mmCIF file of all heavy atoms, coordinates in Angstrom:
data_MODEL
# 
_entry.id   MODEL 
# 
loop_
_atom_site.group_PDB 
_atom_site.id 
_atom_site.type_symbol 
_atom_site.label_atom_id 
_atom_site.label_alt_id 
_atom_site.label_comp_id 
_atom_site.label_asym_id 
_atom_site.label_entity_id 
_atom_site.label_seq_id 
_atom_site.pdbx_PDB_ins_code 
_atom_site.Cartn_x 
_atom_site.Cartn_y 
_atom_site.Cartn_z 
_atom_site.occupancy 
_atom_site.B_iso_or_equiv 
_atom_site.pdbx_formal_charge 
_atom_site.auth_seq_id 
_atom_site.auth_comp_id 
_atom_site.auth_asym_id 
_atom_site.auth_atom_id 
_atom_site.pdbx_PDB_model_num 
ATOM 1   N N   . ALA A 1 1  ? 11.286 23.490 -0.235 1.00 0.00 ? 1  ALA A N   1 
ATOM 2   C CA  . ALA A 1 1  ? 11.203 24.485 -1.310 1.00 0.00 ? 1  ALA A CA  1 
ATOM 3   C C   . ALA A 1 1  ? 11.639 23.899 -2.645 1.00 0.00 ? 1  ALA A C   1 
ATOM 4   O O   . ALA A 1 1  ? 10.974 24.095 -3.668 1.00 0.00 ? 1  ALA A O   1 
ATOM 5   C CB  . ALA A 1 1  ? 12.042 25.710 -0.957 1.00 0.00 ? 1  ALA A CB  1 
ATOM 6   N N   . THR A 1 2  ? 12.750 23.169 -2.650 1.00 0.00 ? 2  THR A N   1 
ATOM 7   C CA  . THR A 1 2  ? 13.239 22.587 -3.901 1.00 0.00 ? 2  THR A CA  1 
ATOM 8   C C   . THR A 1 2  ? 12.294 21.511 -4.414 1.00 0.00 ? 2  THR A C   1 
ATOM 9   O O   . THR A 1 2  ? 11.939 21.497 -5.588 1.00 0.00 ? 2  THR A O   1 
ATOM 10  C CB  . THR A 1 2  ? 14.656 22.017 -3.701 1.00 0.00 ? 2  THR A CB  1 
ATOM 11  O OG1 . THR A 1 2  ? 15.509 23.054 -3.238 1.00 0.00 ? 2  THR A OG1 1 
ATOM 12  C CG2 . THR A 1 2  ? 15.216 21.459 -4.989 1.00 0.00 ? 2  THR A CG2 1 
ATOM 13  N N   . SER A 1 3  ? 11.874 20.624 -3.527 1.00 0.00 ? 3  SER A N   1 
ATOM 14  C CA  . SER A 1 3  ? 11.006 19.532 -3.962 1.00 0.00 ? 3  SER A CA  1 
ATOM 15  C C   . SER A 1 3  ? 9.565  19.999 -4.163 1.00 0.00 ? 3  SER A C   1 
ATOM 16  O O   . SER A 1 3  ? 8.823  19.400 -4.952 1.00 0.00 ? 3  SER A O   1 
ATOM 17  C CB  . SER A 1 3  ? 11.045 18.383 -2.955 1.00 0.00 ? 3  SER A CB  1 
ATOM 18  O OG  . SER A 1 3  ? 10.571 18.799 -1.689 1.00 0.00 ? 3  SER A OG  1 
ATOM 19  N N   . GLY A 1 4  ? 9.173  21.067 -3.490 1.00 0.00 ? 4  GLY A N   1 
ATOM 20  C CA  . GLY A 1 4  ? 7.813  21.588 -3.637 1.00 0.00 ? 4  GLY A CA  1 
ATOM 21  C C   . GLY A 1 4  ? 7.505  21.992 -5.058 1.00 0.00 ? 4  GLY A C   1 
ATOM 22  O O   . GLY A 1 4  ? 6.378  21.848 -5.529 1.00 0.00 ? 4  GLY A O   1 
ATOM 23  N N   . VAL A 1 5  ? 8.497  22.473 -5.759 1.00 0.00 ? 5  VAL A N   1 
ATOM 24  C CA  . VAL A 1 5  ? 8.334  22.827 -7.166 1.00 0.00 ? 5  VAL A CA  1 
ATOM 25  C C   . VAL A 1 5  ? 7.989  21.572 -7.970 1.00 0.00 ? 5  VAL A C   1 
ATOM 26  O O   . VAL A 1 5  ? 7.104  21.589 -8.813 1.00 0.00 ? 5  VAL A O   1 
ATOM 27  C CB  . VAL A 1 5  ? 9.621  23.493 -7.712 1.00 0.00 ? 5  VAL A CB  1 
ATOM 28  C CG1 . VAL A 1 5  ? 9.575  23.645 -9.210 1.00 0.00 ? 5  VAL A CG1 1 
ATOM 29  C CG2 . VAL A 1 5  ? 9.843  24.829 -7.031 1.00 0.00 ? 5  VAL A CG2 1 
ATOM 30  N N   . ALA A 1 6  ? 8.664  20.470 -7.656 1.00 0.00 ? 6  ALA A N   1 
ATOM 31  C CA  . ALA A 1 6  ? 8.459  19.228 -8.403 1.00 0.00 ? 6  ALA A CA  1 
ATOM 32  C C   . ALA A 1 6  ? 7.114  18.578 -8.117 1.00 0.00 ? 6  ALA A C   1 
ATOM 33  O O   . ALA A 1 6  ? 6.627  17.802 -8.943 1.00 0.00 ? 6  ALA A O   1 
ATOM 34  C CB  . ALA A 1 6  ? 9.587  18.247 -8.098 1.00 0.00 ? 6  ALA A CB  1 
ATOM 35  N N   . VAL A 1 7  ? 6.522  18.901 -6.979 1.00 0.00 ? 7  VAL A N   1 
ATOM 36  C CA  . VAL A 1 7  ? 5.219  18.302 -6.639 1.00 0.00 ? 7  VAL A CA  1 
ATOM 37  C C   . VAL A 1 7  ? 4.089  19.321 -6.749 1.00 0.00 ? 7  VAL A C   1 
ATOM 38  O O   . VAL A 1 7  ? 3.032  19.164 -6.155 1.00 0.00 ? 7  VAL A O   1 
ATOM 39  C CB  . VAL A 1 7  ? 5.242  17.616 -5.241 1.00 0.00 ? 7  VAL A CB  1 
ATOM 40  C CG1 . VAL A 1 7  ? 6.220  16.459 -5.218 1.00 0.00 ? 7  VAL A CG1 1 
ATOM 41  C CG2 . VAL A 1 7  ? 5.516  18.608 -4.131 1.00 0.00 ? 7  VAL A CG2 1 
ATOM 42  N N   . ASP A 1 8  ? 4.343  20.379 -7.531 1.00 0.00 ? 8  ASP A N   1 
ATOM 43  C CA  . ASP A 1 8  ? 3.330  21.391 -7.850 1.00 0.00 ? 8  ASP A CA  1 
ATOM 44  C C   . ASP A 1 8  ? 2.850  22.163 -6.623 1.00 0.00 ? 8  ASP A C   1 
ATOM 45  O O   . ASP A 1 8  ? 1.667  22.441 -6.480 1.00 0.00 ? 8  ASP A O   1 
ATOM 46  C CB  . ASP A 1 8  ? 2.149  20.731 -8.587 1.00 0.00 ? 8  ASP A CB  1 
ATOM 47  C CG  . ASP A 1 8  ? 1.274  21.772 -9.282 1.00 0.00 ? 8  ASP A CG  1 
ATOM 48  O OD1 . ASP A 1 8  ? 1.801  22.823 -9.692 1.00 0.00 ? 8  ASP A OD1 1 
ATOM 49  O OD2 . ASP A 1 8  ? 0.059  21.533 -9.410 1.00 0.00 ? 8  ASP A OD2 1 
ATOM 50  N N   . ARG A 1 9  ? 3.793  22.506 -5.745 1.00 0.00 ? 9  ARG A N   1 
ATOM 51  C CA  . ARG A 1 9  ? 3.449  23.284 -4.559 1.00 0.00 ? 9  ARG A CA  1 
ATOM 52  C C   . ARG A 1 9  ? 4.457  24.418 -4.365 1.00 0.00 ? 9  ARG A C   1 
ATOM 53  O O   . ARG A 1 9  ? 4.982  24.617 -3.278 1.00 0.00 ? 9  ARG A O   1 
ATOM 54  C CB  . ARG A 1 9  ? 3.422  22.384 -3.332 1.00 0.00 ? 9  ARG A CB  1 
ATOM 55  C CG  . ARG A 1 9  ? 2.323  21.361 -3.397 1.00 0.00 ? 9  ARG A CG  1 
ATOM 56  C CD  . ARG A 1 9  ? 2.287  20.502 -2.189 1.00 0.00 ? 9  ARG A CD  1 
ATOM 57  N NE  . ARG A 1 9  ? 1.057  19.725 -2.237 1.00 0.00 ? 9  ARG A NE  1 
ATOM 58  C CZ  . ARG A 1 9  ? 0.448  19.272 -1.187 1.00 0.00 ? 9  ARG A CZ  1 
ATOM 59  N NH1 . ARG A 1 9  ? 0.918  19.507 0.004  1.00 0.00 ? 9  ARG A NH1 1 
ATOM 60  N NH2 . ARG A 1 9  ? -0.653 18.569 -1.314 1.00 0.00 ? 9  ARG A NH2 1 
ATOM 61  N N   . SER A 1 10 ? 4.707  25.153 -5.425 1.00 0.00 ? 10 SER A N   1 
ATOM 62  C CA  . SER A 1 10 ? 5.740  26.187 -5.349 1.00 0.00 ? 10 SER A CA  1 
ATOM 63  C C   . SER A 1 10 ? 5.374  27.323 -4.398 1.00 0.00 ? 10 SER A C   1 
ATOM 64  O O   . SER A 1 10 ? 6.236  27.838 -3.687 1.00 0.00 ? 10 SER A O   1 
ATOM 65  C CB  . SER A 1 10 ? 6.089  26.723 -6.737 1.00 0.00 ? 10 SER A CB  1 
ATOM 66  O OG  . SER A 1 10 ? 4.993  27.389 -7.311 1.00 0.00 ? 10 SER A OG  1 
ATOM 67  N N   . ALA A 1 11 ? 4.111  27.717 -4.352 1.00 0.00 ? 11 ALA A N   1 
ATOM 68  C CA  . ALA A 1 11 ? 3.721  28.818 -3.454 1.00 0.00 ? 11 ALA A CA  1 
ATOM 69  C C   . ALA A 1 11 ? 3.906  28.412 -1.995 1.00 0.00 ? 11 ALA A C   1 
ATOM 70  O O   . ALA A 1 11 ? 4.451  29.174 -1.189 1.00 0.00 ? 11 ALA A O   1 
ATOM 71  C CB  . ALA A 1 11 ? 2.279  29.237 -3.714 1.00 0.00 ? 11 ALA A CB  1 
ATOM 72  N N   . GLU A 1 12 ? 3.466  27.212 -1.656 1.00 0.00 ? 12 GLU A N   1 
ATOM 73  C CA  . GLU A 1 12 ? 3.638  26.705 -0.293 1.00 0.00 ? 12 GLU A CA  1 
ATOM 74  C C   . GLU A 1 12 ? 5.127  26.584 0.036  1.00 0.00 ? 12 GLU A C   1 
ATOM 75  O O   . GLU A 1 12 ? 5.563  26.934 1.132  1.00 0.00 ? 12 GLU A O   1 
ATOM 76  C CB  . GLU A 1 12 ? 2.966  25.344 -0.154 1.00 0.00 ? 12 GLU A CB  1 
ATOM 77  C CG  . GLU A 1 12 ? 3.203  24.683 1.193  1.00 0.00 ? 12 GLU A CG  1 
ATOM 78  C CD  . GLU A 1 12 ? 2.729  23.242 1.215  1.00 0.00 ? 12 GLU A CD  1 
ATOM 79  O OE1 . GLU A 1 12 ? 1.847  22.859 0.412  1.00 0.00 ? 12 GLU A OE1 1 
ATOM 80  O OE2 . GLU A 1 12 ? 3.241  22.493 2.056  1.00 0.00 ? 12 GLU A OE2 1 
ATOM 81  N N   . ALA A 1 13 ? 5.897  26.085 -0.907 1.00 0.00 ? 13 ALA A N   1 
ATOM 82  C CA  . ALA A 1 13 ? 7.330  25.916 -0.693 1.00 0.00 ? 13 ALA A CA  1 
ATOM 83  C C   . ALA A 1 13 ? 8.007  27.259 -0.440 1.00 0.00 ? 13 ALA A C   1 
ATOM 84  O O   . ALA A 1 13 ? 8.845  27.388 0.464  1.00 0.00 ? 13 ALA A O   1 
ATOM 85  C CB  . ALA A 1 13 ? 7.952  25.220 -1.903 1.00 0.00 ? 13 ALA A CB  1 
ATOM 86  N N   . ARG A 1 14 ? 7.657  28.257 -1.212 1.00 0.00 ? 14 ARG A N   1 
ATOM 87  C CA  . ARG A 1 14 ? 8.231  29.599 -1.016 1.00 0.00 ? 14 ARG A CA  1 
ATOM 88  C C   . ARG A 1 14 ? 7.896  30.145 0.373  1.00 0.00 ? 14 ARG A C   1 
ATOM 89  O O   . ARG A 1 14 ? 8.740  30.746 1.027  1.00 0.00 ? 14 ARG A O   1 
ATOM 90  C CB  . ARG A 1 14 ? 7.694  30.576 -2.061 1.00 0.00 ? 14 ARG A CB  1 
ATOM 91  C CG  . ARG A 1 14 ? 8.259  30.429 -3.439 1.00 0.00 ? 14 ARG A CG  1 
ATOM 92  C CD  . ARG A 1 14 ? 7.611  31.516 -4.301 1.00 0.00 ? 14 ARG A CD  1 
ATOM 93  N NE  . ARG A 1 14 ? 7.704  31.286 -5.698 1.00 0.00 ? 14 ARG A NE  1 
ATOM 94  C CZ  . ARG A 1 14 ? 8.617  31.847 -6.496 1.00 0.00 ? 14 ARG A CZ  1 
ATOM 95  N NH1 . ARG A 1 14 ? 9.535  32.631 -6.003 1.00 0.00 ? 14 ARG A NH1 1 
ATOM 96  N NH2 . ARG A 1 14 ? 8.599  31.612 -7.786 1.00 0.00 ? 14 ARG A NH2 1 
ATOM 97  N N   . GLU A 1 15 ? 6.667  29.940 0.802  1.00 0.00 ? 15 GLU A N   1 
ATOM 98  C CA  . GLU A 1 15 ? 6.244  30.451 2.107  1.00 0.00 ? 15 GLU A CA  1 
ATOM 99  C C   . GLU A 1 15 ? 6.996  29.748 3.235  1.00 0.00 ? 15 GLU A C   1 
ATOM 100 O O   . GLU A 1 15 ? 7.457  30.390 4.178  1.00 0.00 ? 15 GLU A O   1 
ATOM 101 C CB  . GLU A 1 15 ? 4.726  30.285 2.279  1.00 0.00 ? 15 GLU A CB  1 
ATOM 102 C CG  . GLU A 1 15 ? 4.201  30.815 3.585  1.00 0.00 ? 15 GLU A CG  1 
ATOM 103 C CD  . GLU A 1 15 ? 4.393  32.307 3.802  1.00 0.00 ? 15 GLU A CD  1 
ATOM 104 O OE1 . GLU A 1 15 ? 4.743  33.036 2.850  1.00 0.00 ? 15 GLU A OE1 1 
ATOM 105 O OE2 . GLU A 1 15 ? 4.202  32.759 4.949  1.00 0.00 ? 15 GLU A OE2 1 
ATOM 106 N N   . ARG A 1 16 ? 7.140  28.432 3.153  1.00 0.00 ? 16 ARG A N   1 
ATOM 107 C CA  . ARG A 1 16 ? 7.886  27.696 4.167  1.00 0.00 ? 16 ARG A CA  1 
ATOM 108 C C   . ARG A 1 16 ? 9.327  28.170 4.227  1.00 0.00 ? 16 ARG A C   1 
ATOM 109 O O   . ARG A 1 16 ? 9.904  28.329 5.298  1.00 0.00 ? 16 ARG A O   1 
ATOM 110 C CB  . ARG A 1 16 ? 7.878  26.204 3.869  1.00 0.00 ? 16 ARG A CB  1 
ATOM 111 C CG  . ARG A 1 16 ? 6.592  25.492 4.167  1.00 0.00 ? 16 ARG A CG  1 
ATOM 112 C CD  . ARG A 1 16 ? 6.487  25.231 5.666  1.00 0.00 ? 16 ARG A CD  1 
ATOM 113 N NE  . ARG A 1 16 ? 5.619  24.185 6.074  1.00 0.00 ? 16 ARG A NE  1 
ATOM 114 C CZ  . ARG A 1 16 ? 5.617  22.927 5.710  1.00 0.00 ? 16 ARG A CZ  1 
ATOM 115 N NH1 . ARG A 1 16 ? 6.456  22.484 4.819  1.00 0.00 ? 16 ARG A NH1 1 
ATOM 116 N NH2 . ARG A 1 16 ? 4.763  22.079 6.212  1.00 0.00 ? 16 ARG A NH2 1 
ATOM 117 N N   . LEU A 1 17 ? 9.905  28.405 3.075  1.00 0.00 ? 17 LEU A N   1 
ATOM 118 C CA  . LEU A 1 17 ? 11.283 28.882 3.001  1.00 0.00 ? 17 LEU A CA  1 
ATOM 119 C C   . LEU A 1 17 ? 11.401 30.272 3.616  1.00 0.00 ? 17 LEU A C   1 
ATOM 120 O O   . LEU A 1 17 ? 12.319 30.542 4.402  1.00 0.00 ? 17 LEU A O   1 
ATOM 121 C CB  . LEU A 1 17 ? 11.741 28.909 1.538  1.00 0.00 ? 17 LEU A CB  1 
ATOM 122 C CG  . LEU A 1 17 ? 13.179 29.303 1.275  1.00 0.00 ? 17 LEU A CG  1 
ATOM 123 C CD1 . LEU A 1 17 ? 14.140 28.348 1.960  1.00 0.00 ? 17 LEU A CD1 1 
ATOM 124 C CD2 . LEU A 1 17 ? 13.439 29.317 -0.222 1.00 0.00 ? 17 LEU A CD2 1 
ATOM 125 N N   . ARG A 1 18 ? 10.473 31.147 3.302  1.00 0.00 ? 18 ARG A N   1 
ATOM 126 C CA  . ARG A 1 18 ? 10.497 32.499 3.853  1.00 0.00 ? 18 ARG A CA  1 
ATOM 127 C C   . ARG A 1 18 ? 10.447 32.477 5.378  1.00 0.00 ? 18 ARG A C   1 
ATOM 128 O O   . ARG A 1 18 ? 11.229 33.143 6.049  1.00 0.00 ? 18 ARG A O   1 
ATOM 129 C CB  . ARG A 1 18 ? 9.323  33.312 3.296  1.00 0.00 ? 18 ARG A CB  1 
ATOM 130 C CG  . ARG A 1 18 ? 9.340  34.787 3.723  1.00 0.00 ? 18 ARG A CG  1 
ATOM 131 C CD  . ARG A 1 18 ? 8.019  35.483 3.411  1.00 0.00 ? 18 ARG A CD  1 
ATOM 132 N NE  . ARG A 1 18 ? 6.883  34.930 4.105  1.00 0.00 ? 18 ARG A NE  1 
ATOM 133 C CZ  . ARG A 1 18 ? 6.628  35.097 5.412  1.00 0.00 ? 18 ARG A CZ  1 
ATOM 134 N NH1 . ARG A 1 18 ? 7.442  35.796 6.168  1.00 0.00 ? 18 ARG A NH1 1 
ATOM 135 N NH2 . ARG A 1 18 ? 5.552  34.555 5.960  1.00 0.00 ? 18 ARG A NH2 1 
ATOM 136 N N   . ILE A 1 19 ? 9.555  31.687 5.925  1.00 0.00 ? 19 ILE A N   1 
ATOM 137 C CA  . ILE A 1 19 ? 9.415  31.609 7.377  1.00 0.00 ? 19 ILE A CA  1 
ATOM 138 C C   . ILE A 1 19 ? 10.688 31.071 8.025  1.00 0.00 ? 19 ILE A C   1 
ATOM 139 O O   . ILE A 1 19 ? 11.168 31.609 9.020  1.00 0.00 ? 19 ILE A O   1 
ATOM 140 C CB  . ILE A 1 19 ? 8.187  30.741 7.750  1.00 0.00 ? 19 ILE A CB  1 
ATOM 141 C CG1 . ILE A 1 19 ? 6.901  31.470 7.351  1.00 0.00 ? 19 ILE A CG1 1 
ATOM 142 C CG2 . ILE A 1 19 ? 8.190  30.393 9.230  1.00 0.00 ? 19 ILE A CG2 1 
ATOM 143 C CD1 . ILE A 1 19 ? 5.663  30.593 7.390  1.00 0.00 ? 19 ILE A CD1 1 
ATOM 144 N N   . ALA A 1 20 ? 11.237 30.021 7.454  1.00 0.00 ? 20 ALA A N   1 
ATOM 145 C CA  . ALA A 1 20 ? 12.458 29.436 8.026  1.00 0.00 ? 20 ALA A CA  1 
ATOM 146 C C   . ALA A 1 20 ? 13.622 30.413 7.973  1.00 0.00 ? 20 ALA A C   1 
ATOM 147 O O   . ALA A 1 20 ? 14.389 30.537 8.934  1.00 0.00 ? 20 ALA A O   1 
ATOM 148 C CB  . ALA A 1 20 ? 12.815 28.144 7.300  1.00 0.00 ? 20 ALA A CB  1 
ATOM 149 N N   . LEU A 1 21 ? 13.757 31.127 6.868  1.00 0.00 ? 21 LEU A N   1 
ATOM 150 C CA  . LEU A 1 21 ? 14.896 32.039 6.717  1.00 0.00 ? 21 LEU A CA  1 
ATOM 151 C C   . LEU A 1 21 ? 14.756 33.296 7.566  1.00 0.00 ? 21 LEU A C   1 
ATOM 152 O O   . LEU A 1 21 ? 15.763 33.952 7.849  1.00 0.00 ? 21 LEU A O   1 
ATOM 153 C CB  . LEU A 1 21 ? 15.116 32.391 5.251  1.00 0.00 ? 21 LEU A CB  1 
ATOM 154 C CG  . LEU A 1 21 ? 15.689 31.252 4.413  1.00 0.00 ? 21 LEU A CG  1 
ATOM 155 C CD1 . LEU A 1 21 ? 15.783 31.662 2.954  1.00 0.00 ? 21 LEU A CD1 1 
ATOM 156 C CD2 . LEU A 1 21 ? 17.041 30.801 4.916  1.00 0.00 ? 21 LEU A CD2 1 
ATOM 157 N N   . GLU A 1 22 ? 13.540 33.621 7.970  1.00 0.00 ? 22 GLU A N   1 
ATOM 158 C CA  . GLU A 1 22 ? 13.370 34.763 8.883  1.00 0.00 ? 22 GLU A CA  1 
ATOM 159 C C   . GLU A 1 22 ? 14.103 34.516 10.194 1.00 0.00 ? 22 GLU A C   1 
ATOM 160 O O   . GLU A 1 22 ? 14.537 35.454 10.851 1.00 0.00 ? 22 GLU A O   1 
ATOM 161 C CB  . GLU A 1 22 ? 11.883 35.003 9.165  1.00 0.00 ? 22 GLU A CB  1 
ATOM 162 C CG  . GLU A 1 22 ? 11.171 35.728 8.060  1.00 0.00 ? 22 GLU A CG  1 
ATOM 163 C CD  . GLU A 1 22 ? 9.694  35.924 8.351  1.00 0.00 ? 22 GLU A CD  1 
ATOM 164 O OE1 . GLU A 1 22 ? 9.185  35.395 9.371  1.00 0.00 ? 22 GLU A OE1 1 
ATOM 165 O OE2 . GLU A 1 22 ? 9.046  36.607 7.555  1.00 0.00 ? 22 GLU A OE2 1 
ATOM 166 N N   . ARG A 1 23 ? 14.247 33.251 10.559 1.00 0.00 ? 23 ARG A N   1 
ATOM 167 C CA  . ARG A 1 23 ? 14.913 32.893 11.806 1.00 0.00 ? 23 ARG A CA  1 
ATOM 168 C C   . ARG A 1 23 ? 16.405 32.631 11.602 1.00 0.00 ? 23 ARG A C   1 
ATOM 169 O O   . ARG A 1 23 ? 17.114 32.304 12.547 1.00 0.00 ? 23 ARG A O   1 
ATOM 170 C CB  . ARG A 1 23 ? 14.266 31.644 12.396 1.00 0.00 ? 23 ARG A CB  1 
ATOM 171 C CG  . ARG A 1 23 ? 12.815 31.870 12.778 1.00 0.00 ? 23 ARG A CG  1 
ATOM 172 C CD  . ARG A 1 23 ? 12.094 30.603 13.174 1.00 0.00 ? 23 ARG A CD  1 
ATOM 173 N NE  . ARG A 1 23 ? 12.813 29.823 14.159 1.00 0.00 ? 23 ARG A NE  1 
ATOM 174 C CZ  . ARG A 1 23 ? 12.591 28.534 14.395 1.00 0.00 ? 23 ARG A CZ  1 
ATOM 175 N NH1 . ARG A 1 23 ? 11.669 27.899 13.709 1.00 0.00 ? 23 ARG A NH1 1 
ATOM 176 N NH2 . ARG A 1 23 ? 13.265 27.883 15.309 1.00 0.00 ? 23 ARG A NH2 1 
ATOM 177 N N   . TRP A 1 24 ? 16.896 32.745 10.382 1.00 0.00 ? 24 TRP A N   1 
ATOM 178 C CA  . TRP A 1 24 ? 18.283 32.413 10.065 1.00 0.00 ? 24 TRP A CA  1 
ATOM 179 C C   . TRP A 1 24 ? 19.128 33.679 10.007 1.00 0.00 ? 24 TRP A C   1 
ATOM 180 O O   . TRP A 1 24 ? 18.623 34.765 9.791  1.00 0.00 ? 24 TRP A O   1 
ATOM 181 C CB  . TRP A 1 24 ? 18.339 31.667 8.728  1.00 0.00 ? 24 TRP A CB  1 
ATOM 182 C CG  . TRP A 1 24 ? 19.638 30.967 8.510  1.00 0.00 ? 24 TRP A CG  1 
ATOM 183 C CD1 . TRP A 1 24 ? 20.585 31.276 7.586  1.00 0.00 ? 24 TRP A CD1 1 
ATOM 184 C CD2 . TRP A 1 24 ? 20.140 29.845 9.229  1.00 0.00 ? 24 TRP A CD2 1 
ATOM 185 N NE1 . TRP A 1 24 ? 21.636 30.416 7.689  1.00 0.00 ? 24 TRP A NE1 1 
ATOM 186 C CE2 . TRP A 1 24 ? 21.387 29.530 8.702  1.00 0.00 ? 24 TRP A CE2 1 
ATOM 187 C CE3 . TRP A 1 24 ? 19.661 29.081 10.292 1.00 0.00 ? 24 TRP A CE3 1 
ATOM 188 C CZ2 . TRP A 1 24 ? 22.177 28.481 9.174  1.00 0.00 ? 24 TRP A CZ2 1 
ATOM 189 C CZ3 . TRP A 1 24 ? 20.427 28.046 10.767 1.00 0.00 ? 24 TRP A CZ3 1 
ATOM 190 C CH2 . TRP A 1 24 ? 21.667 27.753 10.212 1.00 0.00 ? 24 TRP A CH2 1 
# 
């Protein structure tokens, strides 16, 4: 999520973060 912003993939990064945190 943090690095995804730097590589122009903020939407993908947000989605990956959302999925991971659903299990946290």
